[in-house]
Amino acid sequence: MAASSTNVAGLIALSGLGWTLAENLFVGGLKDGDDVAAVQAAVSIYSGTADETFGSSWMRPQAQVMIRGDRDSYAEAEAKAYALWAYLANIKNVQVPLSIGVEVVGPLLIQALTPTGTVNPLGTDDQQRSLFSMNFTVTV
């Protein structure tokens, strides 16, 4: 079984760090518009490695988490990014529940999220909101 963006977003929603699915935490990318929060996190899964051992194969996808802060609040966005990175980097054998609120996010046991680096500052968007990313290898 492979992990999806929704599974990783479910872990983030369980972090206690203030991320709520479909409010300020999204799957697939950051959102713009008057009806969405400026401060956001978004999760995407992208190509990873296909490991093969003794004739069986399993996927180890990569997860990318993006953080966007408020306008002109670099330090706050950076602090949120590092707090989330520390939480995700320490995931070990965590069961993602079937649902969080009305969002279906599991069930799935994630054995680990292994960082492939640290928090990456990406500058600002066109509205001067700081952007950060972090990447993990997902092991299920």
N, C-alpha and C. Protein backbone atom coordinates (compact mmCIF):
# COMPACT_ATOMS: atom_id res chain seq x y z
N MET A 1 0.85 -1.18 0.00
CA MET A 1 0.00 0.00 0.00
C MET A 1 0.89 1.24 0.00
N ALA A 2 0.50 2.25 -0.71
CA ALA A 2 1.27 3.50 -0.78
C ALA A 2 0.56 4.59 0.00
N ALA A 3 1.35 5.52 0.48
CA ALA A 3 0.78 6.67 1.18
C ALA A 3 0.33 7.70 0.16
N SER A 4 -0.70 8.45 0.53
CA SER A 4 -1.20 9.52 -0.33
C SER A 4 -0.98 10.87 0.35
N SER A 5 -1.17 11.92 -0.41
CA SER A 5 -1.09 13.28 0.14
C SER A 5 -2.08 13.44 1.28
N THR A 6 -3.25 12.84 1.15
CA THR A 6 -4.28 12.94 2.17
C THR A 6 -3.85 12.28 3.47
N ASN A 7 -3.14 11.16 3.39
CA ASN A 7 -2.65 10.48 4.59
C ASN A 7 -1.68 11.38 5.35
N VAL A 8 -0.74 12.00 4.64
CA VAL A 8 0.24 12.88 5.29
C VAL A 8 -0.46 14.13 5.84
N ALA A 9 -1.42 14.66 5.11
CA ALA A 9 -2.19 15.80 5.61
C ALA A 9 -2.94 15.43 6.89
N GLY A 10 -3.42 14.19 6.95
CA GLY A 10 -4.08 13.72 8.17
C GLY A 10 -3.14 13.74 9.36
N LEU A 11 -1.89 13.33 9.14
CA LEU A 11 -0.89 13.40 10.22
C LEU A 11 -0.67 14.83 10.68
N ILE A 12 -0.60 15.75 9.74
CA ILE A 12 -0.39 17.16 10.08
C ILE A 12 -1.58 17.68 10.88
N ALA A 13 -2.78 17.30 10.48
CA ALA A 13 -3.98 17.74 11.20
C ALA A 13 -3.99 17.22 12.64
N LEU A 14 -3.34 16.10 12.88
CA LEU A 14 -3.27 15.52 14.23
C LEU A 14 -2.14 16.11 15.07
N SER A 15 -1.33 16.99 14.50
CA SER A 15 -0.11 17.47 15.16
C SER A 15 -0.35 18.36 16.37
N GLY A 16 -1.52 19.00 16.45
CA GLY A 16 -1.75 19.96 17.52
C GLY A 16 -1.08 21.30 17.27
N LEU A 17 -0.60 21.52 16.05
CA LEU A 17 0.10 22.75 15.71
C LEU A 17 -0.79 23.79 15.03
N GLY A 18 -2.10 23.54 15.03
CA GLY A 18 -3.03 24.53 14.49
C GLY A 18 -3.38 24.36 13.02
N TRP A 19 -3.09 23.21 12.43
CA TRP A 19 -3.43 22.97 11.03
C TRP A 19 -4.73 22.18 10.96
N THR A 20 -5.69 22.70 10.18
CA THR A 20 -7.01 22.10 10.06
C THR A 20 -7.31 21.83 8.59
N LEU A 21 -7.66 20.58 8.28
CA LEU A 21 -7.97 20.20 6.90
C LEU A 21 -9.07 21.08 6.32
N ALA A 22 -8.87 21.50 5.08
CA ALA A 22 -9.82 22.29 4.30
C ALA A 22 -10.02 23.71 4.83
N GLU A 23 -9.30 24.10 5.90
CA GLU A 23 -9.35 25.48 6.39
C GLU A 23 -8.02 26.19 6.14
N ASN A 24 -6.93 25.61 6.66
CA ASN A 24 -5.61 26.18 6.40
C ASN A 24 -4.60 25.09 6.03
N LEU A 25 -5.10 23.88 5.79
CA LEU A 25 -4.29 22.73 5.39
C LEU A 25 -4.96 22.08 4.19
N PHE A 26 -4.20 21.98 3.09
CA PHE A 26 -4.79 21.51 1.83
C PHE A 26 -3.94 20.41 1.22
N VAL A 27 -4.58 19.63 0.37
CA VAL A 27 -3.92 18.58 -0.38
C VAL A 27 -3.73 19.06 -1.80
N GLY A 28 -2.52 18.94 -2.33
CA GLY A 28 -2.25 19.25 -3.73
C GLY A 28 -1.67 20.62 -3.99
N GLY A 29 -1.81 21.55 -3.11
CA GLY A 29 -1.21 22.87 -3.33
C GLY A 29 -1.86 23.94 -2.48
N LEU A 30 -1.17 25.06 -2.38
CA LEU A 30 -1.69 26.21 -1.65
C LEU A 30 -2.87 26.81 -2.39
N LYS A 31 -3.78 27.42 -1.67
CA LYS A 31 -4.99 28.00 -2.27
C LYS A 31 -4.96 29.52 -2.16
N ASP A 32 -5.53 30.19 -3.13
CA ASP A 32 -5.70 31.64 -3.10
C ASP A 32 -7.18 31.97 -3.16
N GLY A 33 -7.52 33.13 -2.67
CA GLY A 33 -8.90 33.59 -2.70
C GLY A 33 -9.26 34.29 -1.42
N ASP A 34 -10.34 35.03 -1.49
CA ASP A 34 -10.79 35.80 -0.33
C ASP A 34 -11.36 34.92 0.78
N ASP A 35 -11.77 33.72 0.44
CA ASP A 35 -12.42 32.86 1.43
C ASP A 35 -11.49 31.81 2.05
N VAL A 36 -10.16 31.94 1.82
CA VAL A 36 -9.21 31.01 2.42
C VAL A 36 -8.18 31.76 3.25
N ALA A 37 -7.62 31.09 4.23
CA ALA A 37 -6.63 31.70 5.11
C ALA A 37 -5.35 32.03 4.35
N ALA A 38 -4.71 33.12 4.74
CA ALA A 38 -3.42 33.48 4.14
C ALA A 38 -2.33 32.51 4.58
N VAL A 39 -2.32 32.17 5.88
CA VAL A 39 -1.34 31.22 6.42
C VAL A 39 -1.85 29.82 6.13
N GLN A 40 -1.05 29.06 5.37
CA GLN A 40 -1.50 27.75 4.92
C GLN A 40 -0.36 26.74 4.90
N ALA A 41 -0.75 25.49 4.90
CA ALA A 41 0.15 24.37 4.60
C ALA A 41 -0.52 23.55 3.51
N ALA A 42 0.28 22.95 2.67
CA ALA A 42 -0.24 22.08 1.61
C ALA A 42 0.69 20.89 1.45
N VAL A 43 0.12 19.73 1.14
CA VAL A 43 0.87 18.49 1.00
C VAL A 43 0.69 17.94 -0.41
N SER A 44 1.81 17.51 -1.01
CA SER A 44 1.78 16.83 -2.30
C SER A 44 2.71 15.63 -2.23
N ILE A 45 2.32 14.56 -2.89
CA ILE A 45 3.17 13.37 -3.02
C ILE A 45 3.75 13.40 -4.43
N TYR A 46 5.04 13.05 -4.52
CA TYR A 46 5.66 12.99 -5.84
C TYR A 46 6.54 11.75 -5.91
N SER A 47 7.14 11.52 -7.05
CA SER A 47 7.88 10.30 -7.31
C SER A 47 8.93 10.02 -6.26
N GLY A 48 8.99 8.78 -5.86
CA GLY A 48 10.00 8.34 -4.91
C GLY A 48 10.73 7.15 -5.48
N THR A 49 11.14 6.24 -4.63
CA THR A 49 11.84 5.06 -5.09
C THR A 49 10.91 3.86 -5.03
N ALA A 50 11.13 2.96 -5.93
CA ALA A 50 10.42 1.68 -5.90
C ALA A 50 11.42 0.65 -5.43
N ASP A 51 11.35 0.27 -4.18
CA ASP A 51 12.29 -0.68 -3.61
C ASP A 51 11.84 -2.10 -3.92
N GLU A 52 12.82 -2.95 -4.21
CA GLU A 52 12.50 -4.35 -4.49
C GLU A 52 13.38 -5.23 -3.61
N THR A 53 12.76 -6.16 -2.92
CA THR A 53 13.48 -7.09 -2.07
C THR A 53 12.88 -8.48 -2.23
N PHE A 54 13.69 -9.42 -2.59
CA PHE A 54 13.27 -10.81 -2.70
C PHE A 54 12.01 -10.97 -3.55
N GLY A 55 11.97 -10.29 -4.67
CA GLY A 55 10.89 -10.47 -5.61
C GLY A 55 9.63 -9.69 -5.34
N SER A 56 9.57 -8.91 -4.26
CA SER A 56 8.38 -8.09 -4.03
C SER A 56 8.80 -6.62 -4.06
N SER A 57 7.89 -5.79 -4.47
CA SER A 57 8.19 -4.37 -4.59
C SER A 57 7.22 -3.55 -3.75
N TRP A 58 7.67 -2.40 -3.29
CA TRP A 58 6.80 -1.45 -2.62
C TRP A 58 7.29 -0.05 -2.92
N MET A 59 6.43 0.89 -2.78
CA MET A 59 6.75 2.27 -3.12
C MET A 59 7.15 3.04 -1.89
N ARG A 60 8.08 3.95 -2.05
CA ARG A 60 8.46 4.90 -1.02
C ARG A 60 8.36 6.29 -1.64
N PRO A 61 7.16 6.83 -1.68
CA PRO A 61 6.99 8.13 -2.31
C PRO A 61 7.62 9.25 -1.47
N GLN A 62 7.80 10.37 -2.09
CA GLN A 62 8.27 11.57 -1.42
C GLN A 62 7.05 12.45 -1.14
N ALA A 63 7.07 13.09 0.00
CA ALA A 63 6.02 14.05 0.34
C ALA A 63 6.66 15.42 0.44
N GLN A 64 6.02 16.40 -0.17
CA GLN A 64 6.47 17.78 -0.03
C GLN A 64 5.39 18.56 0.70
N VAL A 65 5.82 19.28 1.72
CA VAL A 65 4.91 20.13 2.49
C VAL A 65 5.34 21.57 2.25
N MET A 66 4.39 22.39 1.86
CA MET A 66 4.62 23.83 1.64
C MET A 66 3.95 24.60 2.78
N ILE A 67 4.61 25.64 3.22
CA ILE A 67 4.06 26.54 4.23
C ILE A 67 4.06 27.95 3.64
N ARG A 68 2.96 28.64 3.83
CA ARG A 68 2.89 30.05 3.41
C ARG A 68 2.48 30.87 4.63
N GLY A 69 3.19 31.96 4.87
CA GLY A 69 2.90 32.82 6.00
C GLY A 69 2.06 34.02 5.60
N ASP A 70 1.75 34.84 6.60
CA ASP A 70 1.08 36.12 6.35
C ASP A 70 2.01 37.08 5.63
N ARG A 71 1.45 38.09 5.08
CA ARG A 71 2.23 39.12 4.40
C ARG A 71 3.24 39.74 5.38
N ASP A 72 4.47 39.82 4.94
CA ASP A 72 5.55 40.46 5.71
C ASP A 72 5.76 39.84 7.09
N SER A 73 5.58 38.52 7.25
CA SER A 73 5.80 37.89 8.55
C SER A 73 6.73 36.68 8.39
N TYR A 74 7.93 36.93 7.92
CA TYR A 74 8.89 35.87 7.65
C TYR A 74 9.15 35.03 8.91
N ALA A 75 9.45 35.66 10.03
CA ALA A 75 9.83 34.94 11.24
C ALA A 75 8.72 34.01 11.72
N GLU A 76 7.48 34.46 11.65
CA GLU A 76 6.36 33.62 12.08
C GLU A 76 6.20 32.41 11.16
N ALA A 77 6.30 32.63 9.85
CA ALA A 77 6.17 31.53 8.89
C ALA A 77 7.33 30.55 9.06
N GLU A 78 8.52 31.07 9.29
CA GLU A 78 9.68 30.21 9.49
C GLU A 78 9.51 29.36 10.74
N ALA A 79 9.02 29.95 11.82
CA ALA A 79 8.80 29.21 13.07
C ALA A 79 7.77 28.10 12.86
N LYS A 80 6.69 28.39 12.13
CA LYS A 80 5.67 27.37 11.85
C LYS A 80 6.27 26.23 11.02
N ALA A 81 7.10 26.58 10.06
CA ALA A 81 7.73 25.56 9.20
C ALA A 81 8.65 24.66 10.02
N TYR A 82 9.48 25.23 10.87
CA TYR A 82 10.39 24.42 11.67
C TYR A 82 9.64 23.56 12.70
N ALA A 83 8.57 24.08 13.27
CA ALA A 83 7.78 23.29 14.22
C ALA A 83 7.15 22.09 13.51
N LEU A 84 6.64 22.32 12.31
CA LEU A 84 6.02 21.22 11.56
C LEU A 84 7.08 20.22 11.11
N TRP A 85 8.24 20.71 10.67
CA TRP A 85 9.32 19.81 10.27
C TRP A 85 9.71 18.91 11.45
N ALA A 86 9.88 19.48 12.65
CA ALA A 86 10.27 18.71 13.83
C ALA A 86 9.23 17.64 14.15
N TYR A 87 7.95 17.98 14.02
CA TYR A 87 6.88 17.01 14.27
C TYR A 87 6.94 15.87 13.25
N LEU A 88 7.00 16.20 11.97
CA LEU A 88 6.96 15.19 10.92
C LEU A 88 8.21 14.33 10.93
N ALA A 89 9.37 14.91 11.22
CA ALA A 89 10.63 14.15 11.22
C ALA A 89 10.66 13.11 12.33
N ASN A 90 9.79 13.24 13.30
CA ASN A 90 9.75 12.29 14.42
C ASN A 90 8.58 11.32 14.35
N ILE A 91 7.90 11.27 13.22
CA ILE A 91 6.82 10.30 13.04
C ILE A 91 7.41 8.90 12.98
N LYS A 92 6.95 8.04 13.85
CA LYS A 92 7.38 6.64 13.87
C LYS A 92 6.17 5.79 14.21
N ASN A 93 5.76 4.94 13.28
CA ASN A 93 4.65 3.99 13.49
C ASN A 93 3.39 4.69 14.01
N VAL A 94 2.88 5.61 13.23
CA VAL A 94 1.68 6.35 13.60
C VAL A 94 0.53 5.91 12.70
N GLN A 95 -0.58 5.56 13.31
CA GLN A 95 -1.78 5.16 12.58
C GLN A 95 -2.58 6.39 12.20
N VAL A 96 -2.78 6.61 10.92
CA VAL A 96 -3.65 7.68 10.45
C VAL A 96 -5.07 7.16 10.57
N PRO A 97 -5.96 7.86 11.29
CA PRO A 97 -7.32 7.35 11.47
C PRO A 97 -8.11 7.38 10.16
N LEU A 98 -9.25 6.74 10.18
CA LEU A 98 -10.12 6.72 9.00
C LEU A 98 -10.51 8.14 8.59
N SER A 99 -10.90 8.95 9.56
CA SER A 99 -11.35 10.31 9.21
C SER A 99 -10.98 11.29 10.31
N ILE A 100 -10.88 12.54 9.89
CA ILE A 100 -10.71 13.67 10.80
C ILE A 100 -11.80 14.66 10.42
N GLY A 101 -12.75 14.86 11.32
CA GLY A 101 -13.92 15.65 10.96
C GLY A 101 -14.67 14.95 9.85
N VAL A 102 -14.93 15.66 8.76
CA VAL A 102 -15.63 15.06 7.63
C VAL A 102 -14.66 14.58 6.55
N GLU A 103 -13.35 14.79 6.76
CA GLU A 103 -12.35 14.41 5.76
C GLU A 103 -11.89 12.97 5.99
N VAL A 104 -11.94 12.14 4.96
CA VAL A 104 -11.43 10.78 5.03
C VAL A 104 -9.93 10.84 4.74
N VAL A 105 -9.12 10.39 5.70
CA VAL A 105 -7.67 10.49 5.56
C VAL A 105 -6.94 9.16 5.73
N GLY A 106 -7.61 8.11 6.10
CA GLY A 106 -6.94 6.83 6.36
C GLY A 106 -7.91 5.70 6.12
N PRO A 107 -7.71 4.60 6.75
CA PRO A 107 -6.67 4.28 7.72
C PRO A 107 -5.38 3.85 7.03
N LEU A 108 -4.26 4.15 7.67
CA LEU A 108 -2.95 3.77 7.16
C LEU A 108 -1.94 3.91 8.28
N LEU A 109 -1.07 2.92 8.40
CA LEU A 109 0.04 3.00 9.35
C LEU A 109 1.24 3.57 8.61
N ILE A 110 1.71 4.72 9.04
CA ILE A 110 2.93 5.29 8.47
C ILE A 110 4.07 4.95 9.42
N GLN A 111 5.02 4.17 8.92
CA GLN A 111 6.14 3.75 9.75
C GLN A 111 7.11 4.90 10.02
N ALA A 112 7.34 5.74 9.02
CA ALA A 112 8.27 6.86 9.21
C ALA A 112 8.12 7.88 8.10
N LEU A 113 8.42 9.10 8.44
CA LEU A 113 8.62 10.17 7.47
C LEU A 113 10.08 10.59 7.65
N THR A 114 10.91 10.22 6.71
CA THR A 114 12.34 10.50 6.81
C THR A 114 12.66 11.77 6.05
N PRO A 115 13.18 12.80 6.73
CA PRO A 115 13.49 14.05 6.03
C PRO A 115 14.56 13.84 4.96
N THR A 116 14.40 14.49 3.84
CA THR A 116 15.43 14.48 2.80
C THR A 116 16.21 15.79 2.82
N GLY A 117 16.00 16.56 3.83
CA GLY A 117 16.69 17.84 4.04
C GLY A 117 16.01 18.55 5.19
N THR A 118 16.27 19.82 5.31
CA THR A 118 15.62 20.61 6.34
C THR A 118 14.62 21.56 5.69
N VAL A 119 14.21 22.57 6.40
CA VAL A 119 13.25 23.54 5.87
C VAL A 119 13.94 24.39 4.81
N ASN A 120 13.27 24.54 3.67
CA ASN A 120 13.82 25.30 2.54
C ASN A 120 13.08 26.63 2.39
N PRO A 121 13.76 27.77 2.60
CA PRO A 121 13.11 29.05 2.33
C PRO A 121 13.02 29.27 0.82
N LEU A 122 11.85 29.66 0.36
CA LEU A 122 11.61 29.81 -1.09
C LEU A 122 11.34 31.26 -1.50
N GLY A 123 11.60 32.21 -0.61
CA GLY A 123 11.32 33.61 -0.94
C GLY A 123 9.87 33.94 -0.63
N THR A 124 9.30 34.81 -1.45
CA THR A 124 7.92 35.24 -1.23
C THR A 124 7.10 35.05 -2.50
N ASP A 125 5.78 35.02 -2.31
CA ASP A 125 4.90 34.98 -3.48
C ASP A 125 4.63 36.41 -3.94
N ASP A 126 3.73 36.58 -4.87
CA ASP A 126 3.46 37.92 -5.44
C ASP A 126 2.76 38.85 -4.46
N GLN A 127 2.32 38.34 -3.32
CA GLN A 127 1.69 39.18 -2.29
C GLN A 127 2.60 39.34 -1.07
N GLN A 128 3.89 39.06 -1.25
CA GLN A 128 4.90 39.20 -0.19
C GLN A 128 4.66 38.30 1.01
N ARG A 129 4.11 37.11 0.77
CA ARG A 129 3.93 36.10 1.81
C ARG A 129 5.08 35.11 1.71
N SER A 130 5.76 34.86 2.83
CA SER A 130 6.92 33.96 2.84
C SER A 130 6.50 32.53 2.54
N LEU A 131 7.35 31.85 1.80
CA LEU A 131 7.11 30.46 1.42
C LEU A 131 8.25 29.58 1.88
N PHE A 132 7.90 28.40 2.38
CA PHE A 132 8.88 27.41 2.81
C PHE A 132 8.43 26.03 2.31
N SER A 133 9.37 25.14 2.11
CA SER A 133 9.03 23.76 1.77
C SER A 133 9.90 22.81 2.57
N MET A 134 9.42 21.58 2.67
CA MET A 134 10.17 20.50 3.31
C MET A 134 9.78 19.20 2.62
N ASN A 135 10.71 18.27 2.56
CA ASN A 135 10.49 17.03 1.83
C ASN A 135 10.83 15.84 2.71
N PHE A 136 10.05 14.76 2.54
CA PHE A 136 10.21 13.56 3.33
C PHE A 136 10.02 12.33 2.45
N THR A 137 10.71 11.25 2.79
CA THR A 137 10.43 9.95 2.21
C THR A 137 9.42 9.27 3.13
N VAL A 138 8.35 8.75 2.54
CA VAL A 138 7.27 8.14 3.32
C VAL A 138 7.44 6.62 3.29
N THR A 139 7.49 6.03 4.48
CA THR A 139 7.58 4.58 4.59
C THR A 139 6.32 4.06 5.26
N VAL A 140 5.61 3.15 4.54
CA VAL A 140 4.39 2.56 5.10
C VAL A 140 4.59 1.08 5.30
